[in-house]
Amino acid sequence: MSSMPHYLKKLFSRAYRRQLAAEERQSELQAQIQEHLATLPRCEGQILVATTENRDEGFFCDVTVPARVLLAWAREDAERTVIQSVSAQAAREVLPIWLANSTFDTRKVSRLPDGHFGLVEERINDWVTDGTATVYCPECGHEVQDVAITKANEMRAGRAYYWWTDIWSCPRGHLLRQKDQEIRFILKPHRQRG
């Protein structure tokens, strides 16, 4: 039950309303984190971050990353990124908690939890390039040691817009990934001095 001082403070103080809203958001965030964690299976030592099920994102292979590597990245990402959507923020904060409870047994594999692919998608290319990730070619039936990453269809429109297609292939030439990419820069107009 609200007391009169609380009601008046809420009515007349913008700072108090902001504080109440922040407390409510934090409470909702913690509830969603706990609810989400309760649905997740045990985390193993390798995390399947992309599969042939991600064909919409151009993957024709399986990509795993050690849980320890993903944990370090997820902790940093959760600390530096704040999202307005409570459910999206909860997903971002759940990942390092789930990974921290990993068995770290590198022979066993867990799937990245549903709804988390978008968080890691941009980093997968870096993990493959630096050798952190393991790529499995379903056509060859084994891991690929040297993924050939090339760019095709490179185009640009002025200084502000670039697009290309990333193509990954195994040494036998099997397509592992094909994804159209683009970068658009927002450039400030130059001021002329008069």
Protein backbone atom coordinates (compact mmCIF):
# COMPACT_ATOMS: atom_id res chain seq x y z
CA MET A 1 0.00 0.00 0.00
CA SER A 2 1.34 3.43 -0.89
CA SER A 3 1.88 5.96 1.81
CA MET A 4 0.98 9.61 1.33
CA PRO A 5 4.66 10.80 1.33
CA HIS A 6 5.47 8.18 -1.31
CA TYR A 7 2.48 9.25 -3.41
CA LEU A 8 3.40 12.95 -3.19
CA LYS A 9 7.06 12.28 -3.91
CA LYS A 10 6.05 10.21 -6.92
CA LEU A 11 3.66 12.91 -8.09
CA PHE A 12 6.10 15.84 -7.81
CA SER A 13 9.59 14.37 -8.24
CA ARG A 14 10.78 13.39 -11.70
CA ALA A 15 13.99 11.96 -10.21
CA TYR A 16 11.96 9.75 -7.84
CA ARG A 17 9.83 8.46 -10.73
CA ARG A 18 13.01 7.66 -12.68
CA GLN A 19 14.41 5.84 -9.65
CA LEU A 20 11.21 3.80 -9.28
CA ALA A 21 11.20 2.96 -12.99
CA ALA A 22 14.87 1.86 -12.81
CA GLU A 23 14.15 -0.33 -9.78
CA GLU A 24 11.13 -1.87 -11.53
CA ARG A 25 13.18 -2.52 -14.69
CA GLN A 26 15.97 -4.14 -12.65
CA SER A 27 13.46 -6.34 -10.83
CA GLU A 28 11.87 -7.41 -14.13
CA LEU A 29 15.33 -8.02 -15.63
CA GLN A 30 16.38 -10.27 -12.73
CA ALA A 31 13.11 -12.22 -12.94
CA GLN A 32 13.58 -12.82 -16.67
CA ILE A 33 17.21 -13.87 -16.16
CA GLN A 34 16.20 -16.45 -13.52
CA GLU A 35 13.31 -17.70 -15.66
CA HIS A 36 15.56 -18.07 -18.70
CA LEU A 37 18.34 -19.83 -16.76
CA ALA A 38 15.84 -22.36 -15.41
CA THR A 39 15.06 -23.51 -18.97
CA LEU A 40 18.66 -23.99 -20.14
CA PRO A 41 20.43 -27.36 -20.21
CA ARG A 42 23.83 -27.87 -18.62
CA CYS A 43 26.62 -26.07 -20.45
CA GLU A 44 29.46 -28.22 -21.77
CA GLY A 45 33.00 -27.29 -22.87
CA GLN A 46 32.34 -26.55 -26.56
CA ILE A 47 29.50 -24.35 -27.77
CA LEU A 48 27.89 -24.88 -31.15
CA VAL A 49 27.44 -21.24 -32.20
CA ALA A 50 26.34 -21.78 -35.82
CA THR A 51 24.90 -24.73 -37.71
CA THR A 52 23.45 -25.60 -41.07
CA GLU A 53 20.13 -24.62 -39.44
CA ASN A 54 21.39 -21.02 -39.74
CA ARG A 55 21.20 -21.12 -43.56
CA ASP A 56 19.27 -17.84 -43.50
CA GLU A 57 22.48 -16.31 -42.16
CA GLY A 58 24.56 -18.08 -44.80
CA PHE A 59 25.96 -21.01 -42.79
CA PHE A 60 26.40 -24.36 -44.54
CA CYS A 61 28.66 -25.75 -41.79
CA ASP A 62 28.86 -26.19 -38.03
CA VAL A 63 31.01 -23.84 -35.95
CA THR A 64 32.01 -24.50 -32.34
CA VAL A 65 33.85 -22.23 -29.91
CA PRO A 66 35.38 -23.26 -26.55
CA ALA A 67 33.12 -22.24 -23.66
CA ARG A 68 36.07 -20.45 -21.99
CA VAL A 69 36.55 -18.20 -25.03
CA LEU A 70 32.85 -17.49 -25.35
CA LEU A 71 32.62 -16.79 -21.61
CA ALA A 72 35.36 -14.15 -21.73
CA TRP A 73 33.70 -12.46 -24.68
CA ALA A 74 30.18 -12.71 -23.18
CA ARG A 75 31.26 -11.15 -19.87
CA GLU A 76 32.86 -8.22 -21.65
CA ASP A 77 29.89 -7.81 -23.97
CA ALA A 78 27.35 -7.89 -21.10
CA GLU A 79 29.32 -5.27 -19.14
CA ARG A 80 29.76 -2.79 -21.98
CA THR A 81 26.34 -3.08 -23.64
CA VAL A 82 23.03 -1.85 -22.28
CA ILE A 83 19.89 -2.46 -24.28
CA GLN A 84 16.56 -0.76 -23.75
CA SER A 85 14.57 -3.98 -24.24
CA VAL A 86 14.42 -5.89 -20.96
CA SER A 87 14.12 -9.28 -22.68
CA ALA A 88 17.11 -8.57 -24.97
CA GLN A 89 19.17 -7.35 -22.01
CA ALA A 90 18.18 -10.47 -20.05
CA ALA A 91 19.38 -12.68 -22.92
CA ARG A 92 22.69 -10.81 -23.02
CA GLU A 93 23.19 -11.21 -19.25
CA VAL A 94 22.10 -14.87 -19.16
CA LEU A 95 24.81 -16.00 -21.54
CA PRO A 96 27.86 -15.40 -19.28
CA ILE A 97 26.04 -16.88 -16.28
CA TRP A 98 25.20 -20.04 -18.23
CA LEU A 99 28.74 -20.29 -19.63
CA ALA A 100 30.34 -19.77 -16.20
CA ASN A 101 28.61 -22.96 -15.03
CA SER A 102 30.12 -24.98 -17.88
CA THR A 103 31.78 -28.34 -17.30
CA PHE A 104 34.61 -27.03 -19.53
CA ASP A 105 34.93 -30.60 -20.82
CA THR A 106 36.16 -29.86 -24.34
CA ARG A 107 34.96 -33.21 -25.69
CA LYS A 108 31.29 -32.39 -25.08
CA VAL A 109 29.23 -29.89 -27.04
CA SER A 110 26.27 -27.71 -26.07
CA ARG A 111 24.12 -25.76 -28.48
CA LEU A 112 24.02 -22.00 -28.10
CA PRO A 113 20.70 -21.28 -26.36
CA ASP A 114 17.80 -20.22 -28.56
CA GLY A 115 17.68 -16.49 -29.12
CA HIS A 116 21.43 -15.97 -28.60
CA PHE A 117 22.68 -16.42 -32.17
CA GLY A 118 22.21 -12.71 -32.91
CA LEU A 119 24.52 -11.83 -30.02
CA VAL A 120 27.47 -13.83 -31.37
CA GLU A 121 26.88 -13.76 -35.13
CA GLU A 122 29.17 -10.80 -35.82
CA ARG A 123 32.03 -12.38 -33.85
CA ILE A 124 31.95 -15.80 -35.55
CA ASN A 125 34.00 -14.57 -38.50
CA ASP A 126 36.72 -13.30 -36.10
CA TRP A 127 36.81 -16.60 -34.20
CA VAL A 128 37.16 -18.57 -37.43
CA THR A 129 39.83 -16.21 -38.78
CA ASP A 130 41.97 -16.31 -35.61
CA GLY A 131 41.64 -20.10 -35.27
CA THR A 132 39.64 -20.02 -32.03
CA ALA A 133 36.61 -21.66 -33.61
CA THR A 134 36.39 -25.15 -35.07
CA VAL A 135 34.58 -25.50 -38.39
CA TYR A 136 33.04 -28.79 -39.46
CA CYS A 137 32.34 -29.38 -43.16
CA PRO A 138 29.31 -31.66 -43.50
CA GLU A 139 30.27 -32.63 -47.07
CA CYS A 140 33.81 -33.70 -46.11
CA GLY A 141 32.58 -35.20 -42.84
CA HIS A 142 35.35 -33.72 -40.68
CA GLU A 143 36.86 -30.56 -39.20
CA VAL A 144 38.39 -28.03 -41.55
CA GLN A 145 41.80 -26.73 -40.53
CA ASP A 146 42.23 -24.02 -43.17
CA VAL A 147 39.00 -22.22 -44.01
CA ALA A 148 39.47 -20.08 -47.11
CA ILE A 149 37.67 -16.77 -46.55
CA THR A 150 37.23 -14.61 -49.62
CA LYS A 151 35.18 -11.59 -50.63
CA ALA A 152 33.23 -11.48 -53.87
CA ASN A 153 30.97 -8.93 -55.53
CA GLU A 154 32.71 -6.00 -53.83
CA MET A 155 30.96 -2.75 -54.68
CA ARG A 156 30.91 0.75 -53.32
CA ALA A 157 28.72 3.77 -53.73
CA GLY A 158 30.74 6.85 -52.96
CA ARG A 159 32.64 6.97 -49.69
CA ALA A 160 29.75 5.97 -47.48
CA TYR A 161 28.40 2.63 -48.69
CA TYR A 162 30.17 -0.69 -49.28
CA TRP A 163 28.79 -4.15 -49.90
CA TRP A 164 30.27 -7.55 -50.66
CA THR A 165 29.70 -11.28 -50.23
CA ASP A 166 31.74 -13.27 -47.70
CA ILE A 167 32.47 -16.77 -48.94
CA TRP A 168 34.03 -19.51 -46.82
CA SER A 169 35.16 -22.77 -48.35
CA CYS A 170 37.07 -25.85 -47.25
CA PRO A 171 40.26 -27.00 -49.02
CA ARG A 172 38.14 -29.29 -51.23
CA GLY A 173 36.07 -26.30 -52.36
CA HIS A 174 32.86 -27.08 -50.46
CA LEU A 175 30.83 -23.98 -49.58
CA LEU A 176 30.80 -23.41 -45.81
CA ARG A 177 29.29 -19.92 -45.67
CA GLN A 178 28.00 -17.34 -48.09
CA LYS A 179 26.68 -14.09 -46.65
CA ASP A 180 26.01 -10.71 -48.20
CA GLN A 181 27.50 -7.95 -46.05
CA GLU A 182 27.25 -4.19 -46.12
CA ILE A 183 28.62 -1.17 -44.30
CA ARG A 184 27.07 2.24 -44.42
CA PHE A 185 28.98 5.16 -42.93
CA ILE A 186 27.21 8.28 -41.78
CA LEU A 187 29.45 11.11 -42.83
CA LYS A 188 29.13 14.65 -41.61
CA PRO A 189 28.97 17.19 -44.39
CA HIS A 190 32.05 19.34 -44.69
CA ARG A 191 31.58 22.93 -43.68
CA GLN A 192 33.07 25.53 -45.87
CA ARG A 193 34.68 28.43 -44.18
CA GLY A 194 33.53 31.69 -45.50
